[in-house]
N, C-alpha and C. Protein backbone atom coordinates (compact mmCIF):
# COMPACT_ATOMS: atom_id res chain seq x y z
N MET A 1 27.82 71.03 159.57
CA MET A 1 27.68 71.90 158.36
C MET A 1 26.85 73.27 158.35
N ASN A 2 26.88 73.77 157.75
CA ASN A 2 26.75 75.63 157.86
C ASN A 2 25.23 75.72 157.60
N ASP A 3 24.31 76.48 158.64
CA ASP A 3 22.90 76.34 158.48
C ASP A 3 22.67 77.57 157.36
N HIS A 4 23.83 78.35 156.67
CA HIS A 4 23.69 79.13 155.71
C HIS A 4 23.53 78.20 154.00
N PRO A 5 22.80 78.54 153.26
CA PRO A 5 23.05 77.97 152.18
C PRO A 5 24.25 79.25 151.33
N PHE A 6 25.01 78.22 150.38
CA PHE A 6 26.03 79.22 149.70
C PHE A 6 25.62 80.21 148.86
N THR A 7 26.17 80.73 148.80
CA THR A 7 25.83 82.30 147.69
C THR A 7 26.77 83.16 147.58
N TRP A 8 26.74 83.97 146.53
CA TRP A 8 27.59 85.20 146.44
C TRP A 8 26.95 86.50 146.08
N PRO A 9 27.75 87.51 146.24
CA PRO A 9 26.49 88.66 145.60
C PRO A 9 26.55 88.86 144.12
N GLY A 10 25.24 88.72 144.07
CA GLY A 10 24.78 88.14 142.55
C GLY A 10 24.38 87.54 141.94
N HIS A 11 24.01 86.34 143.30
CA HIS A 11 24.14 84.82 142.79
C HIS A 11 22.22 84.62 142.86
N HIS A 12 21.85 84.26 141.69
CA HIS A 12 20.68 84.07 141.22
C HIS A 12 20.10 82.73 141.46
N PRO A 13 19.61 82.05 142.50
CA PRO A 13 19.55 80.46 142.20
C PRO A 13 18.69 79.55 141.20
N ASP A 14 17.79 80.68 140.52
CA ASP A 14 17.36 79.72 139.11
C ASP A 14 18.02 80.09 138.11
N GLU A 15 19.52 80.65 138.03
CA GLU A 15 20.53 80.73 137.19
C GLU A 15 21.00 79.79 136.93
N PRO A 16 20.83 78.83 135.79
CA PRO A 16 21.47 77.53 135.30
C PRO A 16 22.86 77.51 135.55
N THR A 17 24.13 78.73 135.10
CA THR A 17 25.44 78.69 135.46
C THR A 17 25.85 78.93 136.26
N HIS A 18 24.78 79.93 137.57
CA HIS A 18 25.14 79.77 138.91
C HIS A 18 25.00 78.37 139.00
N ARG A 19 24.22 77.36 139.12
CA ARG A 19 24.09 76.37 139.74
C ARG A 19 25.22 75.09 138.97
N LEU A 20 25.80 75.52 138.16
CA LEU A 20 26.53 74.98 137.49
C LEU A 20 28.31 75.44 138.29
N ILE A 21 28.14 76.85 138.75
CA ILE A 21 29.42 77.06 139.54
C ILE A 21 29.01 76.28 141.10
N ILE A 22 28.01 76.48 141.29
CA ILE A 22 28.24 75.48 143.10
C ILE A 22 28.44 74.30 142.60
N ALA A 23 27.87 73.40 141.82
CA ALA A 23 28.29 71.96 141.60
C ALA A 23 29.71 72.01 141.23
N TYR A 24 30.28 72.71 140.62
CA TYR A 24 31.69 72.71 140.58
C TYR A 24 32.70 72.76 141.89
N LEU A 25 32.07 73.94 142.62
CA LEU A 25 32.76 74.35 143.48
C LEU A 25 32.25 72.81 144.77
N THR A 26 31.62 72.76 144.81
CA THR A 26 30.90 71.56 145.93
C THR A 26 31.75 69.82 145.21
N ILE A 27 32.00 69.70 143.83
CA ILE A 27 32.08 68.38 143.73
C ILE A 27 33.86 68.23 143.59
N ASP A 28 34.53 69.54 143.00
CA ASP A 28 35.77 69.62 142.27
C ASP A 28 36.85 70.14 143.69
N ILE A 29 35.81 71.34 143.58
CA ILE A 29 36.84 71.99 144.87
C ILE A 29 36.82 71.63 146.43
N GLN A 30 35.41 71.19 146.48
CA GLN A 30 35.14 70.67 147.86
C GLN A 30 35.38 71.33 149.14
N ARG A 31 35.73 71.03 150.18
CA ARG A 31 35.91 72.01 151.00
C ARG A 31 37.67 72.14 151.43
N SER A 32 38.36 72.11 150.31
CA SER A 32 39.92 72.25 150.35
C SER A 32 39.90 73.80 150.22
N PRO A 33 40.43 74.37 151.27
CA PRO A 33 41.19 75.63 151.20
C PRO A 33 42.24 76.05 150.34
N GLU A 34 43.00 74.55 150.46
CA GLU A 34 44.29 74.89 149.63
C GLU A 34 43.48 74.69 147.81
N ASP A 35 42.79 74.10 147.57
CA ASP A 35 42.31 74.16 146.00
C ASP A 35 41.58 75.30 145.91
N ALA A 36 40.68 75.71 146.85
CA ALA A 36 40.24 76.97 146.37
C ALA A 36 40.96 78.42 146.37
N SER A 37 41.75 78.10 147.40
CA SER A 37 43.33 79.41 147.24
C SER A 37 43.86 79.13 146.08
N GLU A 38 44.51 78.36 145.91
CA GLU A 38 44.80 78.14 144.37
C GLU A 38 44.16 78.23 143.02
N LEU A 39 42.81 78.25 143.00
CA LEU A 39 41.93 78.37 142.09
C LEU A 39 41.90 79.91 141.71
N SER A 40 41.71 80.54 142.86
CA SER A 40 41.48 82.20 143.50
C SER A 40 42.87 82.84 142.63
N GLN A 41 43.91 82.27 143.10
CA GLN A 41 45.54 82.71 142.48
C GLN A 41 45.44 82.64 141.05
N LYS A 42 44.78 81.27 140.21
CA LYS A 42 45.03 81.36 138.85
C LYS A 42 43.87 82.34 138.07
N ILE A 43 42.95 82.65 139.23
CA ILE A 43 41.94 83.30 138.34
C ILE A 43 42.50 84.67 138.26
N SER A 44 43.25 84.99 139.33
CA SER A 44 44.18 86.71 139.39
C SER A 44 45.04 86.66 138.35
N ALA A 45 45.86 85.86 138.17
CA ALA A 45 46.63 85.42 137.03
C ALA A 45 46.62 85.44 135.36
N VAL A 46 45.61 84.87 135.66
CA VAL A 46 44.91 85.02 134.27
C VAL A 46 44.09 86.03 133.70
N HIS A 47 43.54 86.90 134.88
CA HIS A 47 42.81 88.05 134.22
C HIS A 47 43.73 88.85 134.12
N SER A 48 45.11 89.27 135.07
CA SER A 48 46.01 90.51 135.05
C SER A 48 46.86 90.10 133.96
N GLY A 49 46.74 88.58 133.08
CA GLY A 49 47.56 88.64 132.01
C GLY A 49 48.83 87.41 132.35
N GLN A 50 49.14 87.57 133.67
CA GLN A 50 50.17 86.52 134.00
C GLN A 50 50.35 85.32 133.10
N LEU A 51 49.18 84.97 132.93
CA LEU A 51 49.08 83.62 132.84
C LEU A 51 48.08 83.66 131.39
N PRO A 52 48.26 83.18 130.33
CA PRO A 52 46.95 83.14 129.09
C PRO A 52 46.15 82.51 129.03
N GLU A 53 45.87 81.72 129.73
CA GLU A 53 44.92 80.76 130.35
C GLU A 53 45.44 79.76 131.24
N TRP A 54 44.42 78.94 131.48
CA TRP A 54 44.81 77.67 132.78
C TRP A 54 43.38 76.78 132.70
N GLU A 55 44.04 75.66 132.93
CA GLU A 55 42.91 74.56 133.03
C GLU A 55 43.18 73.66 133.93
N ARG A 56 42.03 73.14 134.93
CA ARG A 56 41.96 72.24 135.76
C ARG A 56 40.78 71.22 135.47
N ILE A 57 41.19 69.61 135.35
CA ILE A 57 40.62 68.79 135.09
C ILE A 57 40.34 67.91 136.37
N GLY A 58 39.23 68.04 137.19
CA GLY A 58 38.72 67.75 138.58
C GLY A 58 37.80 66.18 138.43
N ASN A 59 37.24 65.92 139.66
CA ASN A 59 36.69 64.78 139.70
C ASN A 59 35.66 64.49 138.53
N ALA A 60 34.58 65.55 138.62
CA ALA A 60 33.73 65.70 137.36
C ALA A 60 33.35 66.83 136.50
N TYR A 61 34.60 67.77 136.33
CA TYR A 61 34.14 68.84 135.57
C TYR A 61 35.60 69.07 135.05
N CYS A 62 35.98 70.13 134.06
CA CYS A 62 36.84 70.24 133.31
C CYS A 62 36.61 71.85 133.09
N LEU A 63 37.92 72.89 133.69
CA LEU A 63 37.38 74.03 133.92
C LEU A 63 38.71 74.67 132.84
N ARG A 64 38.61 75.93 132.33
CA ARG A 64 39.01 76.52 131.59
C ARG A 64 38.98 77.75 131.77
N LEU A 65 40.05 78.50 132.25
CA LEU A 65 40.30 80.36 133.02
C LEU A 65 40.82 80.98 131.44
N PHE A 66 40.19 81.78 131.03
CA PHE A 66 40.33 82.96 129.69
C PHE A 66 40.61 84.34 130.78
N PRO A 67 41.19 85.07 129.63
CA PRO A 67 40.94 86.25 130.37
C PRO A 67 39.79 87.40 130.94
N ASP A 68 38.57 86.81 130.27
CA ASP A 68 37.43 87.40 130.25
C ASP A 68 36.16 86.31 130.80
N TYR A 69 36.65 85.17 130.83
CA TYR A 69 35.45 84.14 131.31
C TYR A 69 36.10 83.02 131.21
N VAL A 70 34.95 82.11 131.99
CA VAL A 70 35.24 80.74 132.26
C VAL A 70 34.66 79.43 131.39
N GLU A 71 35.18 78.65 130.94
CA GLU A 71 34.38 77.11 130.72
C GLU A 71 34.24 76.28 131.60
N ILE A 72 33.36 75.73 131.88
CA ILE A 72 32.92 74.45 132.91
C ILE A 72 32.21 73.20 131.87
N GLU A 73 33.14 72.46 131.95
CA GLU A 73 32.34 71.45 131.09
C GLU A 73 32.42 70.22 131.73
N GLU A 74 30.90 69.46 131.79
CA GLU A 74 31.06 68.55 132.63
C GLU A 74 31.53 67.40 132.02
N ASP A 75 32.41 66.39 132.91
CA ASP A 75 33.56 65.45 132.64
C ASP A 75 33.45 63.98 132.94
N PHE A 76 31.79 63.81 133.21
CA PHE A 76 31.51 62.42 134.00
C PHE A 76 31.10 61.43 132.87
N ALA A 77 30.15 62.27 131.83
CA ALA A 77 29.64 61.39 131.17
C ALA A 77 30.29 60.51 129.94
N GLU A 78 30.05 59.78 129.42
CA GLU A 78 30.68 59.23 128.18
C GLU A 78 31.01 60.36 127.03
N GLU A 79 29.94 60.88 126.94
CA GLU A 79 30.20 61.65 125.86
C GLU A 79 30.62 63.05 126.09
N GLY A 80 30.76 63.62 127.41
CA GLY A 80 31.17 64.63 128.01
C GLY A 80 30.11 65.61 127.71
N GLY A 81 30.26 66.58 128.08
CA GLY A 81 29.27 68.03 128.33
C GLY A 81 29.71 68.87 127.25
N LYS A 82 28.63 70.03 127.09
CA LYS A 82 28.81 71.04 126.56
C LYS A 82 29.85 71.97 127.37
N PRO A 83 30.89 73.06 127.10
CA PRO A 83 31.05 73.77 128.00
C PRO A 83 30.30 74.94 127.93
N GLU A 84 30.04 75.19 129.54
CA GLU A 84 29.39 76.55 129.52
C GLU A 84 30.19 77.56 129.92
N LYS A 85 30.06 78.94 129.06
CA LYS A 85 30.71 80.19 129.01
C LYS A 85 30.11 81.02 130.30
N ILE A 86 31.19 81.22 131.43
CA ILE A 86 30.39 82.09 132.45
C ILE A 86 31.50 83.23 132.51
N PRO A 87 30.71 84.20 132.81
CA PRO A 87 32.20 85.88 133.28
C PRO A 87 33.04 85.63 134.33
N LEU A 88 33.92 85.98 133.82
CA LEU A 88 34.85 85.55 134.71
C LEU A 88 34.79 86.43 136.28
N THR A 89 34.21 87.70 136.08
CA THR A 89 34.24 88.16 137.46
C THR A 89 32.93 87.83 138.13
N THR A 90 32.08 86.88 137.63
CA THR A 90 30.95 86.08 138.26
C THR A 90 31.66 85.00 139.08
N PHE A 91 32.58 84.41 138.54
CA PHE A 91 33.29 83.22 138.97
C PHE A 91 34.24 83.48 139.63
N LYS A 92 35.08 84.67 139.76
CA LYS A 92 35.63 85.12 140.77
C LYS A 92 35.38 85.33 141.96
N MET A 93 34.01 85.70 141.83
CA MET A 93 33.25 86.61 143.10
C MET A 93 32.61 85.10 143.44
N ALA A 94 31.80 83.97 143.18
CA ALA A 94 32.03 82.54 143.69
C ALA A 94 32.97 82.28 144.56
N VAL A 95 34.48 82.06 143.76
CA VAL A 95 35.19 80.94 144.43
C VAL A 95 35.89 82.23 145.29
N GLN A 96 35.72 83.21 145.67
CA GLN A 96 35.79 84.17 146.51
C GLN A 96 34.88 83.93 147.82
N SER A 97 33.78 83.87 147.72
CA SER A 97 32.66 83.42 148.63
C SER A 97 33.00 82.28 149.35
N TRP A 98 33.78 81.21 148.04
CA TRP A 98 33.54 80.06 148.40
C TRP A 98 34.56 80.07 149.59
N LEU A 99 35.69 80.40 149.23
CA LEU A 99 36.80 80.44 150.34
C LEU A 99 36.41 80.87 151.63
N GLU A 100 35.61 81.58 151.92
CA GLU A 100 35.23 82.39 153.07
C GLU A 100 34.11 81.35 153.40
N HIS A 101 33.21 80.66 152.78
CA HIS A 101 32.22 79.85 153.28
C HIS A 101 32.70 78.72 153.98
N ILE A 102 33.72 78.11 153.38
CA ILE A 102 34.44 77.17 153.97
C ILE A 102 35.32 77.24 154.97
N ALA A 103 36.03 78.34 155.05
CA ALA A 103 36.82 78.96 156.37
C ALA A 103 35.49 78.99 157.64
N GLY A 104 34.49 79.72 156.90
CA GLY A 104 33.45 79.67 158.37
C GLY A 104 33.11 78.11 158.84
N GLN A 105 32.83 77.10 157.83
CA GLN A 105 32.46 75.79 158.23
C GLN A 105 33.88 75.33 159.54
N GLN A 106 35.14 75.30 159.25
CA GLN A 106 36.13 74.98 159.44
C GLN A 106 36.36 75.80 161.01
N ASN A 107 35.70 76.74 160.95
CA ASN A 107 35.77 77.52 162.38
C ASN A 107 35.07 77.18 163.57
N LYS A 108 33.72 76.08 163.01
CA LYS A 108 32.77 76.03 163.71
C LYS A 108 33.00 74.53 164.44
């Protein structure tokens, strides 16, 4: 286990959407470099306009990527959750940092 908690530039631990990003990455992407890399590639494709949008239904969340923002919706309750909008740039920075974080853990 890494001694350093996961963060990214601009991360605010008390910000609910930042806690949601961490939960999403931890539960749905986990420590899979392949899934994290695919997510990073899809973010770039949507941001650049190569893809109009992209969706991933995971273990506990539904993620939707749009050119300017992402939506993360809890998908584990019977009634589902309310989608939370997060700026794409914030999410992209978190995913890039997650890739570095899990790579650092695998090298130990």
